[in-house]
Amino acid sequence: MQTENNLQYQCYLWAYNNFPQIRGLFFSVPNGGLRNQREAATLKATGLTPGIPDMILLKPLAGFEFKTLIGVISPSQQKIHDTWRKAGVEVFIIRDFGSFEKIIKRIIDENV
C-alpha cells in the first residue's frame, strides 16, 4: 500500500514538472513529524496550527490533504477543513494520484 508521503511526493513532483506556473504557489506545510518538546513549543508559539492541510495552493487558494485509502481525517484536520470551507477555500482529500491529477488539471483549466 502506498504511504501518504509517497503519494504526496508523486503528486507534487508531477505538478511541479507539468505546471511551472504554480511553482512557488504550491507547497507543503510540515506540521507533522516528531520534535523535541522545546522545538514543538516554539513552533506552536510561532503559529503552527494542527490540522492544516499537507499542501497549499495559493492561487486559487486550496488545501490538499493526502491520505492512504484507509487513512482517517483527524478531529483537528476536520475542524480546519470545515473552517476553510466556510471561508470559501476548497479542501481536497487526496487518496490516489488519478484524483489529484484530475483536480489540478481542472484548477489550471479554470484559472488560465
PDB file of N, CA and C in Angstrom:
ATOM      1  N   MET A   1       0.837  -1.191   0.000  1.00  0.00           N
ATOM      2  CA  MET A   1       0.000   0.000   0.000  1.00  0.00           C
ATOM      3  C   MET A   1       0.881   1.253   0.000  1.00  0.00           C
ATOM      4  N   GLN A   2       0.479   2.249  -0.734  1.00  0.00           N
ATOM      5  CA  GLN A   2       1.227   3.499  -0.833  1.00  0.00           C
ATOM      6  C   GLN A   2       1.075   4.311   0.455  1.00  0.00           C
ATOM      7  N   THR A   3       2.170   4.903   0.914  1.00  0.00           N
ATOM      8  CA  THR A   3       2.109   5.758   2.100  1.00  0.00           C
ATOM      9  C   THR A   3       1.641   7.156   1.712  1.00  0.00           C
ATOM     10  N   GLU A   4       1.211   7.915   2.714  1.00  0.00           N
ATOM     11  CA  GLU A   4       0.811   9.302   2.468  1.00  0.00           C
ATOM     12  C   GLU A   4       1.984  10.109   1.909  1.00  0.00           C
ATOM     13  N   ASN A   5       3.163   9.907   2.466  1.00  0.00           N
ATOM     14  CA  ASN A   5       4.331  10.649   1.992  1.00  0.00           C
ATOM     15  C   ASN A   5       4.653  10.336   0.539  1.00  0.00           C
ATOM     16  N   ASN A   6       4.578   9.060   0.171  1.00  0.00           N
ATOM     17  CA  ASN A   6       4.864   8.689  -1.219  1.00  0.00           C
ATOM     18  C   ASN A   6       3.831   9.272  -2.167  1.00  0.00           C
ATOM     19  N   LEU A   7       2.568   9.253  -1.772  1.00  0.00           N
ATOM     20  CA  LEU A   7       1.512   9.839  -2.594  1.00  0.00           C
ATOM     21  C   LEU A   7       1.734  11.341  -2.755  1.00  0.00           C
ATOM     22  N   GLN A   8       2.040  12.018  -1.662  1.00  0.00           N
ATOM     23  CA  GLN A   8       2.282  13.455  -1.728  1.00  0.00           C
ATOM     24  C   GLN A   8       3.481  13.762  -2.610  1.00  0.00           C
ATOM     25  N   TYR A   9       4.541  12.987  -2.475  1.00  0.00           N
ATOM     26  CA  TYR A   9       5.735  13.156  -3.303  1.00  0.00           C
ATOM     27  C   TYR A   9       5.395  13.003  -4.783  1.00  0.00           C
ATOM     28  N   GLN A  10       4.673  11.936  -5.118  1.00  0.00           N
ATOM     29  CA  GLN A  10       4.302  11.677  -6.515  1.00  0.00           C
ATOM     30  C   GLN A  10       3.467  12.826  -7.080  1.00  0.00           C
ATOM     31  N   CYS A  11       2.507  13.291  -6.320  1.00  0.00           N
ATOM     32  CA  CYS A  11       1.621  14.364  -6.789  1.00  0.00           C
ATOM     33  C   CYS A  11       2.376  15.682  -6.940  1.00  0.00           C
ATOM     34  N   TYR A  12       3.185  16.022  -5.936  1.00  0.00           N
ATOM     35  CA  TYR A  12       3.935  17.273  -6.005  1.00  0.00           C
ATOM     36  C   TYR A  12       4.904  17.273  -7.182  1.00  0.00           C
ATOM     37  N   LEU A  13       5.646  16.193  -7.346  1.00  0.00           N
ATOM     38  CA  LEU A  13       6.623  16.124  -8.432  1.00  0.00           C
ATOM     39  C   LEU A  13       5.942  16.257  -9.790  1.00  0.00           C
ATOM     40  N   TRP A  14       4.821  15.575  -9.969  1.00  0.00           N
ATOM     41  CA  TRP A  14       4.080  15.661 -11.227  1.00  0.00           C
ATOM     42  C   TRP A  14       3.597  17.091 -11.472  1.00  0.00           C
ATOM     43  N   ALA A  15       3.015  17.715 -10.460  1.00  0.00           N
ATOM     44  CA  ALA A  15       2.514  19.091 -10.622  1.00  0.00           C
ATOM     45  C   ALA A  15       3.665  20.050 -10.922  1.00  0.00           C
ATOM     46  N   TYR A  16       4.764  19.901 -10.207  1.00  0.00           N
ATOM     47  CA  TYR A  16       5.931  20.761 -10.410  1.00  0.00           C
ATOM     48  C   TYR A  16       6.459  20.636 -11.833  1.00  0.00           C
ATOM     49  N   ASN A  17       6.547  19.417 -12.335  1.00  0.00           N
ATOM     50  CA  ASN A  17       7.103  19.193 -13.667  1.00  0.00           C
ATOM     51  C   ASN A  17       6.152  19.557 -14.802  1.00  0.00           C
ATOM     52  N   ASN A  18       4.861  19.496 -14.563  1.00  0.00           N
ATOM     53  CA  ASN A  18       3.890  19.727 -15.628  1.00  0.00           C
ATOM     54  C   ASN A  18       3.249  21.112 -15.624  1.00  0.00           C
ATOM     55  N   PHE A  19       3.298  21.809 -14.519  1.00  0.00           N
ATOM     56  CA  PHE A  19       2.656  23.126 -14.419  1.00  0.00           C
ATOM     57  C   PHE A  19       3.606  24.137 -13.782  1.00  0.00           C
ATOM     58  N   PRO A  20       4.580  24.610 -14.552  1.00  0.00           N
ATOM     59  CA  PRO A  20       5.560  25.544 -13.975  1.00  0.00           C
ATOM     60  C   PRO A  20       4.916  26.826 -13.435  1.00  0.00           C
ATOM     61  N   GLN A  21       3.729  27.150 -13.905  1.00  0.00           N
ATOM     62  CA  GLN A  21       3.065  28.368 -13.443  1.00  0.00           C
ATOM     63  C   GLN A  21       2.637  28.294 -11.971  1.00  0.00           C
ATOM     64  N   ILE A  22       2.624  27.099 -11.370  1.00  0.00           N
ATOM     65  CA  ILE A  22       2.273  27.035  -9.949  1.00  0.00           C
ATOM     66  C   ILE A  22       3.495  26.821  -9.048  1.00  0.00           C
ATOM     67  N   ARG A  23       4.683  26.811  -9.646  1.00  0.00           N
ATOM     68  CA  ARG A  23       5.894  26.695  -8.830  1.00  0.00           C
ATOM     69  C   ARG A  23       5.982  27.906  -7.898  1.00  0.00           C
ATOM     70  N   GLY A  24       6.218  27.644  -6.652  1.00  0.00           N
ATOM     71  CA  GLY A  24       6.257  28.695  -5.647  1.00  0.00           C
ATOM     72  C   GLY A  24       4.883  29.035  -5.087  1.00  0.00           C
ATOM     73  N   LEU A  25       3.834  28.562  -5.755  1.00  0.00           N
ATOM     74  CA  LEU A  25       2.466  28.780  -5.286  1.00  0.00           C
ATOM     75  C   LEU A  25       1.857  27.505  -4.709  1.00  0.00           C
ATOM     76  N   PHE A  26       2.521  26.379  -4.897  1.00  0.00           N
ATOM     77  CA  PHE A  26       2.054  25.081  -4.416  1.00  0.00           C
ATOM     78  C   PHE A  26       3.167  24.492  -3.569  1.00  0.00           C
ATOM     79  N   PHE A  27       2.904  24.327  -2.278  1.00  0.00           N
ATOM     80  CA  PHE A  27       3.970  23.933  -1.366  1.00  0.00           C
ATOM     81  C   PHE A  27       3.432  23.145  -0.180  1.00  0.00           C
ATOM     82  N   SER A  28       4.342  22.458   0.489  1.00  0.00           N
ATOM     83  CA  SER A  28       3.953  21.657   1.651  1.00  0.00           C
ATOM     84  C   SER A  28       3.992  22.484   2.929  1.00  0.00           C
ATOM     85  N   VAL A  29       3.251  21.993   3.906  1.00  0.00           N
ATOM     86  CA  VAL A  29       3.220  22.588   5.237  1.00  0.00           C
ATOM     87  C   VAL A  29       3.662  21.499   6.212  1.00  0.00           C
ATOM     88  N   PRO A  30       4.892  21.570   6.688  1.00  0.00           N
ATOM     89  CA  PRO A  30       5.409  20.486   7.532  1.00  0.00           C
ATOM     90  C   PRO A  30       4.907  20.554   8.976  1.00  0.00           C
ATOM     91  N   ASN A  31       3.624  20.277   9.165  1.00  0.00           N
ATOM     92  CA  ASN A  31       3.037  20.281  10.503  1.00  0.00           C
ATOM     93  C   ASN A  31       3.299  18.991  11.261  1.00  0.00           C
ATOM     94  N   GLY A  32       3.556  17.900  10.550  1.00  0.00           N
ATOM     95  CA  GLY A  32       3.714  16.609  11.211  1.00  0.00           C
ATOM     96  C   GLY A  32       5.133  16.341  11.641  1.00  0.00           C
ATOM     97  N   GLY A  33       5.357  15.138  12.059  1.00  0.00           N
ATOM     98  CA  GLY A  33       6.703  14.722  12.447  1.00  0.00           C
ATOM     99  C   GLY A  33       6.939  14.839  13.942  1.00  0.00           C
ATOM    100  N   LEU A  34       7.972  14.171  14.392  1.00  0.00           N
ATOM    101  CA  LEU A  34       8.327  14.192  15.807  1.00  0.00           C
ATOM    102  C   LEU A  34       9.357  15.280  16.063  1.00  0.00           C
ATOM    103  N   ARG A  35       9.133  16.010  17.126  1.00  0.00           N
ATOM    104  CA  ARG A  35      10.041  17.084  17.508  1.00  0.00           C
ATOM    105  C   ARG A  35      10.269  17.010  19.004  1.00  0.00           C
ATOM    106  N   ASN A  36      11.391  17.578  19.443  1.00  0.00           N
ATOM    107  CA  ASN A  36      11.582  17.608  20.889  1.00  0.00           C
ATOM    108  C   ASN A  36      10.634  18.650  21.494  1.00  0.00           C
ATOM    109  N   GLN A  37      10.464  18.596  22.795  1.00  0.00           N
ATOM    110  CA  GLN A  37       9.464  19.424  23.479  1.00  0.00           C
ATOM    111  C   GLN A  37       9.724  20.924  23.277  1.00  0.00           C
ATOM    112  N   ARG A  38      10.959  21.327  23.313  1.00  0.00           N
ATOM    113  CA  ARG A  38      11.292  22.748  23.156  1.00  0.00           C
ATOM    114  C   ARG A  38      10.952  23.235  21.743  1.00  0.00           C
ATOM    115  N   GLU A  39      11.347  22.465  20.731  1.00  0.00           N
ATOM    116  CA  GLU A  39      11.059  22.834  19.351  1.00  0.00           C
ATOM    117  C   GLU A  39       9.555  22.866  19.106  1.00  0.00           C
ATOM    118  N   ALA A  40       8.830  21.885  19.621  1.00  0.00           N
ATOM    119  CA  ALA A  40       7.372  21.848  19.458  1.00  0.00           C
ATOM    120  C   ALA A  40       6.730  23.077  20.086  1.00  0.00           C
ATOM    121  N   ALA A  41       7.189  23.462  21.266  1.00  0.00           N
ATOM    122  CA  ALA A  41       6.640  24.647  21.940  1.00  0.00           C
ATOM    123  C   ALA A  41       6.923  25.911  21.131  1.00  0.00           C
ATOM    124  N   THR A  42       8.123  26.019  20.591  1.00  0.00           N
ATOM    125  CA  THR A  42       8.475  27.180  19.764  1.00  0.00           C
ATOM    126  C   THR A  42       7.613  27.249  18.515  1.00  0.00           C
ATOM    127  N   LEU A  43       7.436  26.103  17.848  1.00  0.00           N
ATOM    128  CA  LEU A  43       6.615  26.088  16.633  1.00  0.00           C
ATOM    129  C   LEU A  43       5.173  26.480  16.936  1.00  0.00           C
ATOM    130  N   LYS A  44       4.605  25.957  18.016  1.00  0.00           N
ATOM    131  CA  LYS A  44       3.233  26.322  18.384  1.00  0.00           C
ATOM    132  C   LYS A  44       3.138  27.810  18.706  1.00  0.00           C
ATOM    133  N   ALA A  45       4.120  28.340  19.421  1.00  0.00           N
ATOM    134  CA  ALA A  45       4.104  29.755  19.794  1.00  0.00           C
ATOM    135  C   ALA A  45       4.244  30.670  18.591  1.00  0.00           C
ATOM    136  N   THR A  46       4.816  30.152  17.513  1.00  0.00           N
ATOM    137  CA  THR A  46       5.013  30.975  16.317  1.00  0.00           C
ATOM    138  C   THR A  46       4.026  30.656  15.203  1.00  0.00           C
ATOM    139  N   GLY A  47       2.933  29.939  15.542  1.00  0.00           N
ATOM    140  CA  GLY A  47       1.851  29.788  14.584  1.00  0.00           C
ATOM    141  C   GLY A  47       1.563  28.420  14.027  1.00  0.00           C
ATOM    142  N   LEU A  48       2.310  27.390  14.411  1.00  0.00           N
ATOM    143  CA  LEU A  48       1.981  26.052  13.944  1.00  0.00           C
ATOM    144  C   LEU A  48       0.548  25.736  14.380  1.00  0.00           C
ATOM    145  N   THR A  49      -0.262  25.280  13.430  1.00  0.00           N
ATOM    146  CA  THR A  49      -1.673  25.026  13.700  1.00  0.00           C
ATOM    147  C   THR A  49      -2.019  23.592  13.327  1.00  0.00           C
ATOM    148  N   PRO A  50      -2.382  22.783  14.300  1.00  0.00           N
ATOM    149  CA  PRO A  50      -2.769  21.403  13.998  1.00  0.00           C
ATOM    150  C   PRO A  50      -3.947  21.361  13.022  1.00  0.00           C
ATOM    151  N   GLY A  51      -3.865  20.427  12.072  1.00  0.00           N
ATOM    152  CA  GLY A  51      -4.967  20.237  11.144  1.00  0.00           C
ATOM    153  C   GLY A  51      -4.830  20.941   9.814  1.00  0.00           C
ATOM    154  N   ILE A  52      -3.822  21.810   9.680  1.00  0.00           N
ATOM    155  CA  ILE A  52      -3.617  22.492   8.400  1.00  0.00           C
ATOM    156  C   ILE A  52      -3.320  21.429   7.339  1.00  0.00           C
ATOM    157  N   PRO A  53      -3.916  21.552   6.136  1.00  0.00           N
ATOM    158  CA  PRO A  53      -3.660  20.559   5.085  1.00  0.00           C
ATOM    159  C   PRO A  53      -2.179  20.399   4.760  1.00  0.00           C
ATOM    160  N   ASP A  54      -1.842  19.237   4.219  1.00  0.00           N
ATOM    161  CA  ASP A  54      -0.452  18.903   3.908  1.00  0.00           C
ATOM    162  C   ASP A  54       0.180  19.846   2.896  1.00  0.00           C
ATOM    163  N   MET A  55      -0.604  20.271   1.909  1.00  0.00           N
ATOM    164  CA  MET A  55      -0.088  21.173   0.877  1.00  0.00           C
ATOM    165  C   MET A  55      -1.109  22.274   0.622  1.00  0.00           C
ATOM    166  N   ILE A  56      -0.592  23.417   0.224  1.00  0.00           N
ATOM    167  CA  ILE A  56      -1.438  24.571  -0.063  1.00  0.00           C
ATOM    168  C   ILE A  56      -1.109  25.090  -1.456  1.00  0.00           C
ATOM    169  N   LEU A  57      -2.158  25.422  -2.185  1.00  0.00           N
ATOM    170  CA  LEU A  57      -2.042  26.126  -3.462  1.00  0.00           C
ATOM    171  C   LEU A  57      -2.544  27.534  -3.205  1.00  0.00           C
ATOM    172  N   LEU A  58      -1.732  28.536  -3.502  1.00  0.00           N
ATOM    173  CA  LEU A  58      -2.099  29.915  -3.199  1.00  0.00           C
ATOM    174  C   LEU A  58      -3.055  30.551  -4.199  1.00  0.00           C
ATOM    175  N   LYS A  59      -2.940  30.185  -5.477  1.00  0.00           N
ATOM    176  CA  LYS A  59      -3.814  30.824  -6.462  1.00  0.00           C
ATOM    177  C   LYS A  59      -4.261  29.824  -7.494  1.00  0.00           C
ATOM    178  N   PRO A  60      -5.541  29.444  -7.472  1.00  0.00           N
ATOM    179  CA  PRO A  60      -6.550  29.823  -6.487  1.00  0.00           C
ATOM    180  C   PRO A  60      -6.283  29.103  -5.165  1.00  0.00           C
ATOM    181  N   LEU A  61      -6.724  29.687  -4.088  1.00  0.00           N
ATOM    182  CA  LEU A  61      -6.445  29.140  -2.766  1.00  0.00           C
ATOM    183  C   LEU A  61      -7.153  27.808  -2.559  1.00  0.00           C
ATOM    184  N   ALA A  62      -6.376  26.782  -2.219  1.00  0.00           N
ATOM    185  CA  ALA A  62      -6.920  25.449  -1.965  1.00  0.00           C
ATOM    186  C   ALA A  62      -5.959  24.684  -1.067  1.00  0.00           C
ATOM    187  N   GLY A  63      -6.510  23.763  -0.294  1.00  0.00           N
ATOM    188  CA  GLY A  63      -5.713  22.882   0.552  1.00  0.00           C
ATOM    189  C   GLY A  63      -5.826  21.453   0.068  1.00  0.00           C
ATOM    190  N   PHE A  64      -4.757  20.700   0.235  1.00  0.00           N
ATOM    191  CA  PHE A  64      -4.706  19.297  -0.184  1.00  0.00           C
ATOM    192  C   PHE A  64      -4.248  18.448   0.991  1.00  0.00           C
ATOM    193  N   GLU A  65      -5.096  17.541   1.395  1.00  0.00           N
ATOM    194  CA  GLU A  65      -4.778  16.608   2.475  1.00  0.00           C
ATOM    195  C   GLU A  65      -4.571  15.235   1.856  1.00  0.00           C
ATOM    196  N   PHE A  66      -3.393  14.662   2.052  1.00  0.00           N
ATOM    197  CA  PHE A  66      -3.058  13.366   1.475  1.00  0.00           C
ATOM    198  C   PHE A  66      -3.299  12.265   2.500  1.00  0.00           C
ATOM    199  N   LYS A  67      -4.073  11.262   2.088  1.00  0.00           N
ATOM    200  CA  LYS A  67      -4.395  10.129   2.945  1.00  0.00           C
ATOM    201  C   LYS A  67      -4.287   8.841   2.147  1.00  0.00           C
ATOM    202  N   THR A  68      -3.924   7.770   2.825  1.00  0.00           N
ATOM    203  CA  THR A  68      -3.969   6.462   2.181  1.00  0.00           C
ATOM    204  C   THR A  68      -5.427   6.084   1.969  1.00  0.00           C
ATOM    205  N   LEU A  69      -5.648   4.974   1.295  1.00  0.00           N
ATOM    206  CA  LEU A  69      -7.025   4.516   1.049  1.00  0.00           C
ATOM    207  C   LEU A  69      -7.787   4.262   2.344  1.00  0.00           C
ATOM    208  N   ILE A  70      -7.062   3.934   3.402  1.00  0.00           N
ATOM    209  CA  ILE A  70      -7.723   3.675   4.687  1.00  0.00           C
ATOM    210  C   ILE A  70      -7.433   4.759   5.723  1.00  0.00           C
ATOM    211  N   GLY A  71      -6.715   5.808   5.319  1.00  0.00           N
ATOM    212  CA  GLY A  71      -6.374   6.883   6.240  1.00  0.00           C
ATOM    213  C   GLY A  71      -7.598   7.650   6.710  1.00  0.00           C
ATOM    214  N   VAL A  72      -7.545   8.135   7.931  1.00  0.00           N
ATOM    215  CA  VAL A  72      -8.671   8.823   8.555  1.00  0.00           C
ATOM    216  C   VAL A  72      -8.299  10.278   8.838  1.00  0.00           C
ATOM    217  N   ILE A  73      -9.241  11.160   8.580  1.00  0.00           N
ATOM    218  CA  ILE A  73      -9.056  12.581   8.898  1.00  0.00           C
ATOM    219  C   ILE A  73      -9.163  12.737  10.416  1.00  0.00           C
ATOM    220  N   SER A  74      -8.186  13.406  11.018  1.00  0.00           N
ATOM    221  CA  SER A  74      -8.203  13.603  12.471  1.00  0.00           C
ATOM    222  C   SER A  74      -9.220  14.687  12.837  1.00  0.00           C
ATOM    223  N   PRO A  75      -9.629  14.741  14.104  1.00  0.00           N
ATOM    224  CA  PRO A  75     -10.550  15.807  14.519  1.00  0.00           C
ATOM    225  C   PRO A  75     -10.001  17.220  14.256  1.00  0.00           C
ATOM    226  N   SER A  76      -8.705  17.429  14.481  1.00  0.00           N
ATOM    227  CA  SER A  76      -8.139  18.764  14.224  1.00  0.00           C
ATOM    228  C   SER A  76      -8.142  19.077  12.730  1.00  0.00           C
ATOM    229  N   GLN A  77      -7.894  18.071  11.893  1.00  0.00           N
ATOM    230  CA  GLN A  77      -7.953  18.285  10.445  1.00  0.00           C
ATOM    231  C   GLN A  77      -9.386  18.607  10.015  1.00  0.00           C
ATOM    232  N   GLN A  78     -10.361  17.868  10.530  1.00  0.00           N
ATOM    233  CA  GLN A  78     -11.755  18.116  10.165  1.00  0.00           C
ATOM    234  C   GLN A  78     -12.178  19.525  10.567  1.00  0.00           C
ATOM    235  N   LYS A  79     -11.749  19.965  11.737  1.00  0.00           N
ATOM    236  CA  LYS A  79     -12.087  21.314  12.215  1.00  0.00           C
ATOM    237  C   LYS A  79     -11.522  22.384  11.271  1.00  0.00           C
ATOM    238  N   ILE A  80     -10.252  22.238  10.898  1.00  0.00           N
ATOM    239  CA  ILE A  80      -9.630  23.198   9.982  1.00  0.00           C
ATOM    240  C   ILE A  80     -10.287  23.136   8.609  1.00  0.00           C
ATOM    241  N   HIS A  81     -10.544  21.936   8.096  1.00  0.00           N
ATOM    242  CA  HIS A  81     -11.186  21.799   6.787  1.00  0.00           C
ATOM    243  C   HIS A  81     -12.546  22.483   6.789  1.00  0.00           C
ATOM    244  N   ASP A  82     -13.325  22.289   7.860  1.00  0.00           N
ATOM    245  CA  ASP A  82     -14.637  22.939   7.962  1.00  0.00           C
ATOM    246  C   ASP A  82     -14.497  24.465   8.007  1.00  0.00           C
ATOM    247  N   THR A  83     -13.524  24.939   8.756  1.00  0.00           N
ATOM    248  CA  THR A  83     -13.284  26.386   8.861  1.00  0.00           C
ATOM    249  C   THR A  83     -12.913  26.967   7.508  1.00  0.00           C
ATOM    250  N   TRP A  84     -12.011  26.288   6.795  1.00  0.00           N
ATOM    251  CA  TRP A  84     -11.596  26.771   5.479  1.00  0.00           C
ATOM    252  C   TRP A  84     -12.761  26.767   4.500  1.00  0.00           C
ATOM    253  N   ARG A  85     -13.534  25.689   4.509  1.00  0.00           N
ATOM    254  CA  ARG A  85     -14.665  25.602   3.569  1.00  0.00           C
ATOM    255  C   ARG A  85     -15.698  26.687   3.850  1.00  0.00           C
ATOM    256  N   LYS A  86     -15.949  26.978   5.121  1.00  0.00           N
ATOM    257  CA  LYS A  86     -16.875  28.062   5.469  1.00  0.00           C
ATOM    258  C   LYS A  86     -16.351  29.408   4.977  1.00  0.00           C
ATOM    259  N   ALA A  87     -15.033  29.530   4.871  1.00  0.00           N
ATOM    260  CA  ALA A  87     -14.405  30.764   4.379  1.00  0.00           C
ATOM    261  C   ALA A  87     -14.281  30.771   2.858  1.00  0.00           C
ATOM    262  N   GLY A  88     -14.792  29.732   2.197  1.00  0.00           N
ATOM    263  CA  GLY A  88     -14.754  29.674   0.740  1.00  0.00           C
ATOM    264  C   GLY A  88     -13.505  29.062   0.147  1.00  0.00           C
ATOM    265  N   VAL A  89     -12.701  28.385   0.974  1.00  0.00           N
ATOM    266  CA  VAL A  89     -11.470  27.752   0.492  1.00  0.00           C
ATOM    267  C   VAL A  89     -11.740  26.269   0.260  1.00  0.00           C
ATOM    268  N   GLU A  90     -11.419  25.793  -0.928  1.00  0.00           N
ATOM    269  CA  GLU A  90     -11.596  24.374  -1.224  1.00  0.00           C
ATOM    270  C   GLU A  90     -10.524  23.566  -0.501  1.00  0.00           C
ATOM    271  N   VAL A  91     -10.933  22.421   0.025  1.00  0.00           N
ATOM    272  CA  VAL A  91     -10.009  21.465   0.633  1.00  0.00           C
ATOM    273  C   VAL A  91     -10.299  20.112  -0.009  1.00  0.00           C
ATOM    274  N   PHE A  92      -9.254  19.498  -0.519  1.00  0.00           N
ATOM    275  CA  PHE A  92      -9.383  18.216  -1.204  1.00  0.00           C
ATOM    276  C   PHE A  92      -8.691  17.124  -0.398  1.00  0.00           C
ATOM    277  N   ILE A  93      -9.364  16.004  -0.234  1.00  0.00           N
ATOM    278  CA  ILE A  93      -8.762  14.829   0.374  1.00  0.00           C
ATOM    279  C   ILE A  93      -8.281  13.964  -0.790  1.00  0.00           C
ATOM    280  N   ILE A  94      -6.987  13.761  -0.867  1.00  0.00           N
ATOM    281  CA  ILE A  94      -6.370  13.030  -1.979  1.00  0.00           C
ATOM    282  C   ILE A  94      -5.955  11.649  -1.496  1.00  0.00           C
ATOM    283  N   ARG A  95      -6.513  10.621  -2.134  1.00  0.00           N
ATOM    284  CA  ARG A  95      -6.205   9.240  -1.758  1.00  0.00           C
ATOM    285  C   ARG A  95      -5.493   8.470  -2.867  1.00  0.00           C
ATOM    286  N   ASP A  96      -5.424   9.071  -4.060  1.00  0.00           N
ATOM    287  CA  ASP A  96      -4.726   8.412  -5.171  1.00  0.00           C
ATOM    288  C   ASP A  96      -4.300   9.477  -6.183  1.00  0.00           C
ATOM    289  N   PHE A  97      -3.282   9.121  -6.957  1.00  0.00           N
ATOM    290  CA  PHE A  97      -2.730  10.063  -7.926  1.00  0.00           C
ATOM    291  C   PHE A  97      -3.758  10.505  -8.963  1.00  0.00           C
ATOM    292  N   GLY A  98      -4.577   9.582  -9.469  1.00  0.00           N
ATOM    293  CA  GLY A  98      -5.549   9.916 -10.501  1.00  0.00           C
ATOM    294  C   GLY A  98      -6.500  11.025 -10.071  1.00  0.00           C
ATOM    295  N   SER A  99      -6.953  10.983  -8.830  1.00  0.00           N
ATOM    296  CA  SER A  99      -7.844  12.033  -8.320  1.00  0.00           C
ATOM    297  C   SER A  99      -7.134  13.379  -8.286  1.00  0.00           C
ATOM    298  N   PHE A 100      -5.883  13.366  -7.807  1.00  0.00           N
ATOM    299  CA  PHE A 100      -5.107  14.596  -7.755  1.00  0.00           C
ATOM    300  C   PHE A 100      -4.921  15.177  -9.153  1.00  0.00           C
ATOM    301  N   GLU A 101      -4.565  14.324 -10.089  1.00  0.00           N
ATOM    302  CA  GLU A 101      -4.328  14.762 -11.465  1.00  0.00           C
ATOM    303  C   GLU A 101      -5.568  15.460 -12.031  1.00  0.00           C
ATOM    304  N   LYS A 102      -6.728  14.875 -11.844  1.00  0.00           N
ATOM    305  CA  LYS A 102      -7.975  15.470 -12.347  1.00  0.00           C
ATOM    306  C   LYS A 102      -8.255  16.820 -11.692  1.00  0.00           C
ATOM    307  N   ILE A 103      -8.041  16.900 -10.381  1.00  0.00           N
ATOM    308  CA  ILE A 103      -8.312  18.141  -9.656  1.00  0.00           C
ATOM    309  C   ILE A 103      -7.378  19.252 -10.125  1.00  0.00           C
ATOM    310  N   ILE A 104      -6.091  18.974 -10.211  1.00  0.00           N
ATOM    311  CA  ILE A 104      -5.126  20.005 -10.626  1.00  0.00           C
ATOM    312  C   ILE A 104      -5.397  20.449 -12.063  1.00  0.00           C
ATOM    313  N   LYS A 105      -5.670  19.512 -12.952  1.00  0.00           N
ATOM    314  CA  LYS A 105      -5.968  19.896 -14.336  1.00  0.00           C
ATOM    315  C   LYS A 105      -7.213  20.790 -14.386  1.00  0.00           C
ATOM    316  N   ARG A 106      -8.224  20.460 -13.610  1.00  0.00           N
ATOM    317  CA  ARG A 106      -9.445  21.295 -13.569  1.00  0.00           C
ATOM    318  C   ARG A 106      -9.125  22.686 -13.028  1.00  0.00           C
ATOM    319  N   ILE A 107      -8.359  22.740 -11.963  1.00  0.00           N
ATOM    320  CA  ILE A 107      -7.991  24.046 -11.378  1.00  0.00           C
ATOM    321  C   ILE A 107      -7.213  24.880 -12.392  1.00  0.00           C
ATOM    322  N   ILE A 108      -6.247  24.279 -13.063  1.00  0.00           N
ATOM    323  CA  ILE A 108      -5.429  25.015 -14.042  1.00  0.00           C
ATOM    324  C   ILE A 108      -6.307  25.481 -15.194  1.00  0.00           C
ATOM    325  N   ASP A 109      -7.172  24.603 -15.713  1.00  0.00           N
ATOM    326  CA  ASP A 109      -8.052  24.962 -16.829  1.00  0.00           C
ATOM    327  C   ASP A 109      -8.976  26.121 -16.469  1.00  0.00           C
ATOM    328  N   GLU A 110      -9.485  26.133 -15.238  1.00  0.00           N
ATOM    329  CA  GLU A 110     -10.420  27.171 -14.807  1.00  0.00           C
ATOM    330  C   GLU A 110      -9.736  28.506 -14.503  1.00  0.00           C
ATOM    331  N   ASN A 111      -8.436  28.492 -14.342  1.00  0.00           N
ATOM    332  CA  ASN A 111      -7.742  29.701 -13.894  1.00  0.00           C
ATOM    333  C   ASN A 111      -6.658  30.171 -14.849  1.00  0.00           C
ATOM    334  N   VAL A 112      -6.736  29.778 -16.083  1.00  0.00           N
ATOM    335  CA  VAL A 112      -5.745  30.230 -17.085  1.00  0.00           C
ATOM    336  C   VAL A 112      -6.169  31.568 -17.634  1.00  0.00           C
TER     337      VAL A 112
END
